[in-house]
Amino acid sequence: MLALLAALALVGCTSSTQVDAPRPGTALAADGAQSSGVVGNKHAHVGDVWYFALPVPNNTSADPIEITEVSVQHIPSGVKVLSYGAYDLEDTEGLPILTKKNGPHTPDFEKLKNYAAEPVKVAARAESDIFYLAEMRITAPPKDSARKCRFAYNQGGQAYTQALDCEVELEVGK
């Protein structure tokens, strides 16, 4: 009897502290401009650092969301993600989909406000003014493209994750 009470107490403790796993989300539009093709560069070099913009969050749902984390799900060998950032489209004068660090038309991200430290809020039925990007270094000729952008967000007290199509192919030139 004592063992049964101990087991029930243990079950009660673990179930009350258990955190709900994120659910598959559908709030973000999956048909944006970045989901319709591959961006890339055929003249990259080992050691180059590139900025790749993830799809701009477009909340198609009736409720606001707060984006808490982003990532590129498939990173090929030869590419290392150095960091993720979140920047205002106005500060960068548009969306720099793929740009080389220190390139002539590359925003100076190190001098711009990075909004990634806190959740980014996206109103219901609205596109965000904030976009995310991955800073990537080429460590060897990439064997594949980087693809599938994952967004983690909260909506109505529930955590969600949603993967959107995105793809970047960086080829080391000869």
C-alpha atoms as a PDB file:
ATOM      1  CA  MET A   1       0.000   0.000   0.000  1.00  0.00           C
ATOM      2  CA  LEU A   2       2.819   2.387   0.882  1.00  0.00           C
ATOM      3  CA  ALA A   3       4.512   1.639  -2.457  1.00  0.00           C
ATOM      4  CA  LEU A   4       1.271   2.414  -4.308  1.00  0.00           C
ATOM      5  CA  LEU A   5       0.916   5.785  -2.536  1.00  0.00           C
ATOM      6  CA  ALA A   6       4.541   6.636  -3.308  1.00  0.00           C
ATOM      7  CA  ALA A   7       4.042   5.756  -6.971  1.00  0.00           C
ATOM      8  CA  LEU A   8       0.879   7.886  -7.170  1.00  0.00           C
ATOM      9  CA  ALA A   9       2.646  10.809  -5.500  1.00  0.00           C
ATOM     10  CA  LEU A  10       5.513  10.506  -7.988  1.00  0.00           C
ATOM     11  CA  VAL A  11       3.121  10.430 -10.947  1.00  0.00           C
ATOM     12  CA  GLY A  12       1.334  13.501  -9.576  1.00  0.00           C
ATOM     13  CA  CYS A  13       4.621  15.381  -9.248  1.00  0.00           C
ATOM     14  CA  THR A  14       5.900  14.589 -12.704  1.00  0.00           C
ATOM     15  CA  SER A  15       2.665  15.359 -14.507  1.00  0.00           C
ATOM     16  CA  SER A  16       2.258  18.758 -12.837  1.00  0.00           C
ATOM     17  CA  THR A  17       5.809  19.870 -13.742  1.00  0.00           C
ATOM     18  CA  GLN A  18       5.769  18.480 -17.249  1.00  0.00           C
ATOM     19  CA  VAL A  19       5.900  21.167 -19.941  1.00  0.00           C
ATOM     20  CA  ASP A  20       3.709  20.777 -23.008  1.00  0.00           C
ATOM     21  CA  ALA A  21       5.731  20.122 -26.132  1.00  0.00           C
ATOM     22  CA  PRO A  22       5.308  22.638 -28.939  1.00  0.00           C
ATOM     23  CA  ARG A  23       2.519  21.819 -31.353  1.00  0.00           C
ATOM     24  CA  PRO A  24       2.796  22.058 -35.137  1.00  0.00           C
ATOM     25  CA  GLY A  25       1.826  25.605 -36.083  1.00  0.00           C
ATOM     26  CA  THR A  26      -0.070  27.059 -39.016  1.00  0.00           C
ATOM     27  CA  ALA A  27      -0.169  30.795 -38.204  1.00  0.00           C
ATOM     28  CA  LEU A  28       2.639  31.771 -40.593  1.00  0.00           C
ATOM     29  CA  ALA A  29       2.015  32.077 -44.326  1.00  0.00           C
ATOM     30  CA  ALA A  30       3.818  29.297 -46.163  1.00  0.00           C
ATOM     31  CA  ASP A  31       3.580  30.810 -49.644  1.00  0.00           C
ATOM     32  CA  GLY A  32       5.884  33.830 -49.477  1.00  0.00           C
ATOM     33  CA  ALA A  33       8.422  34.901 -52.091  1.00  0.00           C
ATOM     34  CA  GLN A  34      11.237  32.966 -50.426  1.00  0.00           C
ATOM     35  CA  SER A  35       9.350  29.678 -50.610  1.00  0.00           C
ATOM     36  CA  SER A  36       9.252  29.672 -54.395  1.00  0.00           C
ATOM     37  CA  GLY A  37      12.885  29.077 -55.275  1.00  0.00           C
ATOM     38  CA  VAL A  38      16.521  28.809 -54.334  1.00  0.00           C
ATOM     39  CA  VAL A  39      18.794  31.774 -53.720  1.00  0.00           C
ATOM     40  CA  GLY A  40      22.497  31.305 -54.039  1.00  0.00           C
ATOM     41  CA  ASN A  41      25.903  32.314 -55.189  1.00  0.00           C
ATOM     42  CA  LYS A  42      28.279  30.303 -57.384  1.00  0.00           C
ATOM     43  CA  HIS A  43      31.346  32.393 -56.543  1.00  0.00           C
ATOM     44  CA  ALA A  44      31.671  31.887 -52.796  1.00  0.00           C
ATOM     45  CA  HIS A  45      34.976  31.115 -51.117  1.00  0.00           C
ATOM     46  CA  VAL A  46      35.970  29.127 -48.062  1.00  0.00           C
ATOM     47  CA  GLY A  47      36.075  31.591 -45.170  1.00  0.00           C
ATOM     48  CA  ASP A  48      33.345  33.874 -46.585  1.00  0.00           C
ATOM     49  CA  VAL A  49      30.559  34.965 -44.264  1.00  0.00           C
ATOM     50  CA  TRP A  50      27.090  35.307 -45.797  1.00  0.00           C
ATOM     51  CA  TYR A  51      23.813  36.651 -44.454  1.00  0.00           C
ATOM     52  CA  PHE A  52      20.729  34.688 -45.481  1.00  0.00           C
ATOM     53  CA  ALA A  53      17.311  36.218 -44.740  1.00  0.00           C
ATOM     54  CA  LEU A  54      14.665  33.787 -43.566  1.00  0.00           C
ATOM     55  CA  PRO A  55      11.093  34.283 -44.810  1.00  0.00           C
ATOM     56  CA  VAL A  56       9.543  37.460 -43.398  1.00  0.00           C
ATOM     57  CA  PRO A  57       6.995  36.329 -40.793  1.00  0.00           C
ATOM     58  CA  ASN A  58       3.465  36.855 -42.077  1.00  0.00           C
ATOM     59  CA  ASN A  59       0.838  35.963 -39.467  1.00  0.00           C
ATOM     60  CA  THR A  60      -2.287  34.855 -41.342  1.00  0.00           C
ATOM     61  CA  SER A  61      -4.161  33.838 -38.193  1.00  0.00           C
ATOM     62  CA  ALA A  62      -6.765  35.781 -36.241  1.00  0.00           C
ATOM     63  CA  ASP A  63      -4.540  36.008 -33.144  1.00  0.00           C
ATOM     64  CA  PRO A  64      -1.154  37.673 -32.541  1.00  0.00           C
ATOM     65  CA  ILE A  65       1.986  35.588 -32.158  1.00  0.00           C
ATOM     66  CA  GLU A  66       5.355  36.069 -30.466  1.00  0.00           C
ATOM     67  CA  ILE A  67       8.314  34.500 -32.261  1.00  0.00           C
ATOM     68  CA  THR A  68      10.767  33.114 -29.729  1.00  0.00           C
ATOM     69  CA  GLU A  69      13.342  31.318 -31.871  1.00  0.00           C
ATOM     70  CA  VAL A  70      14.316  30.680 -35.476  1.00  0.00           C
ATOM     71  CA  SER A  71      16.701  28.280 -37.152  1.00  0.00           C
ATOM     72  CA  VAL A  72      17.639  26.782 -40.480  1.00  0.00           C
ATOM     73  CA  GLN A  73      16.899  23.094 -40.020  1.00  0.00           C
ATOM     74  CA  HIS A  74      19.202  21.555 -42.626  1.00  0.00           C
ATOM     75  CA  ILE A  75      22.744  22.891 -42.543  1.00  0.00           C
ATOM     76  CA  PRO A  76      25.063  21.003 -44.900  1.00  0.00           C
ATOM     77  CA  SER A  77      28.643  20.092 -44.108  1.00  0.00           C
ATOM     78  CA  GLY A  78      30.852  22.958 -45.179  1.00  0.00           C
ATOM     79  CA  VAL A  79      28.529  25.598 -43.715  1.00  0.00           C
ATOM     80  CA  LYS A  80      28.482  26.777 -40.101  1.00  0.00           C
ATOM     81  CA  VAL A  81      25.789  29.048 -38.680  1.00  0.00           C
ATOM     82  CA  LEU A  82      27.518  31.720 -36.602  1.00  0.00           C
ATOM     83  CA  SER A  83      24.395  33.438 -35.299  1.00  0.00           C
ATOM     84  CA  TYR A  84      20.803  34.422 -35.953  1.00  0.00           C
ATOM     85  CA  GLY A  85      19.630  38.013 -35.861  1.00  0.00           C
ATOM     86  CA  ALA A  86      16.396  39.964 -36.206  1.00  0.00           C
ATOM     87  CA  TYR A  87      16.368  43.360 -37.922  1.00  0.00           C
ATOM     88  CA  ASP A  88      13.894  46.030 -38.973  1.00  0.00           C
ATOM     89  CA  LEU A  89      13.181  46.114 -42.720  1.00  0.00           C
ATOM     90  CA  GLU A  90      13.282  49.907 -42.634  1.00  0.00           C
ATOM     91  CA  ASP A  91      16.777  49.934 -41.106  1.00  0.00           C
ATOM     92  CA  THR A  92      18.073  47.693 -43.909  1.00  0.00           C
ATOM     93  CA  GLU A  93      16.151  49.524 -46.657  1.00  0.00           C
ATOM     94  CA  GLY A  94      14.399  46.325 -47.690  1.00  0.00           C
ATOM     95  CA  LEU A  95      15.044  42.609 -47.415  1.00  0.00           C
ATOM     96  CA  PRO A  96      18.641  41.563 -48.104  1.00  0.00           C
ATOM     97  CA  ILE A  97      17.789  37.959 -49.084  1.00  0.00           C
ATOM     98  CA  LEU A  98      21.429  36.889 -49.551  1.00  0.00           C
ATOM     99  CA  THR A  99      24.398  39.147 -49.122  1.00  0.00           C
ATOM    100  CA  LYS A 100      28.076  38.748 -48.351  1.00  0.00           C
ATOM    101  CA  LYS A 101      29.485  40.294 -45.180  1.00  0.00           C
ATOM    102  CA  ASN A 102      31.228  43.589 -45.977  1.00  0.00           C
ATOM    103  CA  GLY A 103      29.776  43.534 -49.496  1.00  0.00           C
ATOM    104  CA  PRO A 104      29.031  46.852 -51.230  1.00  0.00           C
ATOM    105  CA  HIS A 105      25.253  46.644 -50.649  1.00  0.00           C
ATOM    106  CA  THR A 106      25.313  44.755 -47.347  1.00  0.00           C
ATOM    107  CA  PRO A 107      23.798  46.505 -44.334  1.00  0.00           C
ATOM    108  CA  ASP A 108      26.186  46.905 -41.407  1.00  0.00           C
ATOM    109  CA  PHE A 109      24.278  44.524 -39.140  1.00  0.00           C
ATOM    110  CA  GLU A 110      26.739  45.049 -36.296  1.00  0.00           C
ATOM    111  CA  LYS A 111      25.623  48.706 -36.053  1.00  0.00           C
ATOM    112  CA  LEU A 112      21.885  48.010 -36.367  1.00  0.00           C
ATOM    113  CA  LYS A 113      19.525  47.129 -33.535  1.00  0.00           C
ATOM    114  CA  ASN A 114      19.199  43.361 -33.241  1.00  0.00           C
ATOM    115  CA  TYR A 115      15.684  42.452 -32.052  1.00  0.00           C
ATOM    116  CA  ALA A 116      16.499  38.761 -31.476  1.00  0.00           C
ATOM    117  CA  ALA A 117      17.092  39.132 -27.725  1.00  0.00           C
ATOM    118  CA  GLU A 118      13.337  39.248 -27.026  1.00  0.00           C
ATOM    119  CA  PRO A 119      10.289  37.661 -28.672  1.00  0.00           C
ATOM    120  CA  VAL A 120       9.192  39.452 -31.833  1.00  0.00           C
ATOM    121  CA  LYS A 121       5.473  40.214 -31.832  1.00  0.00           C
ATOM    122  CA  VAL A 122       3.499  39.877 -35.054  1.00  0.00           C
ATOM    123  CA  ALA A 123      -0.062  41.171 -35.048  1.00  0.00           C
ATOM    124  CA  ALA A 124      -2.954  39.088 -36.348  1.00  0.00           C
ATOM    125  CA  ARG A 125      -3.300  39.107 -40.132  1.00  0.00           C
ATOM    126  CA  ALA A 126      -0.129  41.170 -40.539  1.00  0.00           C
ATOM    127  CA  GLU A 127       3.366  40.883 -41.931  1.00  0.00           C
ATOM    128  CA  SER A 128       6.186  41.656 -39.529  1.00  0.00           C
ATOM    129  CA  ASP A 129       8.432  44.702 -39.949  1.00  0.00           C
ATOM    130  CA  ILE A 130      11.164  42.554 -38.404  1.00  0.00           C
ATOM    131  CA  PHE A 131      12.914  39.820 -40.386  1.00  0.00           C
ATOM    132  CA  TYR A 132      15.368  37.149 -39.270  1.00  0.00           C
ATOM    133  CA  LEU A 133      18.643  36.187 -40.839  1.00  0.00           C
ATOM    134  CA  ALA A 134      21.283  33.531 -40.420  1.00  0.00           C
ATOM    135  CA  GLU A 135      24.941  34.522 -40.456  1.00  0.00           C
ATOM    136  CA  MET A 136      26.788  31.627 -42.114  1.00  0.00           C
ATOM    137  CA  ARG A 137      30.483  30.912 -42.664  1.00  0.00           C
ATOM    138  CA  ILE A 138      31.723  28.642 -45.421  1.00  0.00           C
ATOM    139  CA  THR A 139      34.192  26.234 -43.805  1.00  0.00           C
ATOM    140  CA  ALA A 140      34.623  23.894 -46.805  1.00  0.00           C
ATOM    141  CA  PRO A 141      32.921  23.537 -50.174  1.00  0.00           C
ATOM    142  CA  PRO A 142      29.282  22.880 -49.150  1.00  0.00           C
ATOM    143  CA  LYS A 143      27.952  19.439 -50.048  1.00  0.00           C
ATOM    144  CA  ASP A 144      24.341  20.599 -50.268  1.00  0.00           C
ATOM    145  CA  SER A 145      22.076  23.586 -49.831  1.00  0.00           C
ATOM    146  CA  ALA A 146      20.882  24.958 -46.481  1.00  0.00           C
ATOM    147  CA  ARG A 147      17.102  24.712 -46.251  1.00  0.00           C
ATOM    148  CA  LYS A 148      13.893  24.611 -44.203  1.00  0.00           C
ATOM    149  CA  CYS A 149      13.457  27.593 -41.905  1.00  0.00           C
ATOM    150  CA  ARG A 150      11.916  26.776 -38.529  1.00  0.00           C
ATOM    151  CA  PHE A 151      10.017  29.324 -36.449  1.00  0.00           C
ATOM    152  CA  ALA A 152       9.081  28.728 -32.807  1.00  0.00           C
ATOM    153  CA  TYR A 153       6.334  30.986 -31.487  1.00  0.00           C
ATOM    154  CA  ASN A 154       3.747  31.401 -28.769  1.00  0.00           C
ATOM    155  CA  GLN A 155       0.110  32.070 -29.473  1.00  0.00           C
ATOM    156  CA  GLY A 156      -2.690  32.123 -26.930  1.00  0.00           C
ATOM    157  CA  GLY A 157      -0.485  30.620 -24.215  1.00  0.00           C
ATOM    158  CA  GLN A 158       0.584  27.648 -26.352  1.00  0.00           C
ATOM    159  CA  ALA A 159       3.992  27.005 -27.954  1.00  0.00           C
ATOM    160  CA  TYR A 160       4.141  26.128 -31.649  1.00  0.00           C
ATOM    161  CA  THR A 161       6.793  25.365 -34.244  1.00  0.00           C
ATOM    162  CA  GLN A 162       6.381  25.749 -37.965  1.00  0.00           C
ATOM    163  CA  ALA A 163       8.819  25.005 -40.789  1.00  0.00           C
ATOM    164  CA  LEU A 164       8.685  27.174 -43.908  1.00  0.00           C
ATOM    165  CA  ASP A 165      10.321  26.497 -47.232  1.00  0.00           C
ATOM    166  CA  CYS A 166      13.528  28.410 -47.777  1.00  0.00           C
ATOM    167  CA  GLU A 167      16.777  27.418 -49.460  1.00  0.00           C
ATOM    168  CA  VAL A 168      20.208  28.879 -50.038  1.00  0.00           C
ATOM    169  CA  GLU A 169      22.938  27.306 -52.119  1.00  0.00           C
ATOM    170  CA  LEU A 170      26.483  28.597 -51.735  1.00  0.00           C
ATOM    171  CA  GLU A 171      28.936  27.095 -54.207  1.00  0.00           C
ATOM    172  CA  VAL A 172      32.665  27.553 -53.896  1.00  0.00           C
ATOM    173  CA  GLY A 173      33.965  28.908 -57.197  1.00  0.00           C
ATOM    174  CA  LYS A 174      36.938  27.384 -58.894  1.00  0.00           C
END
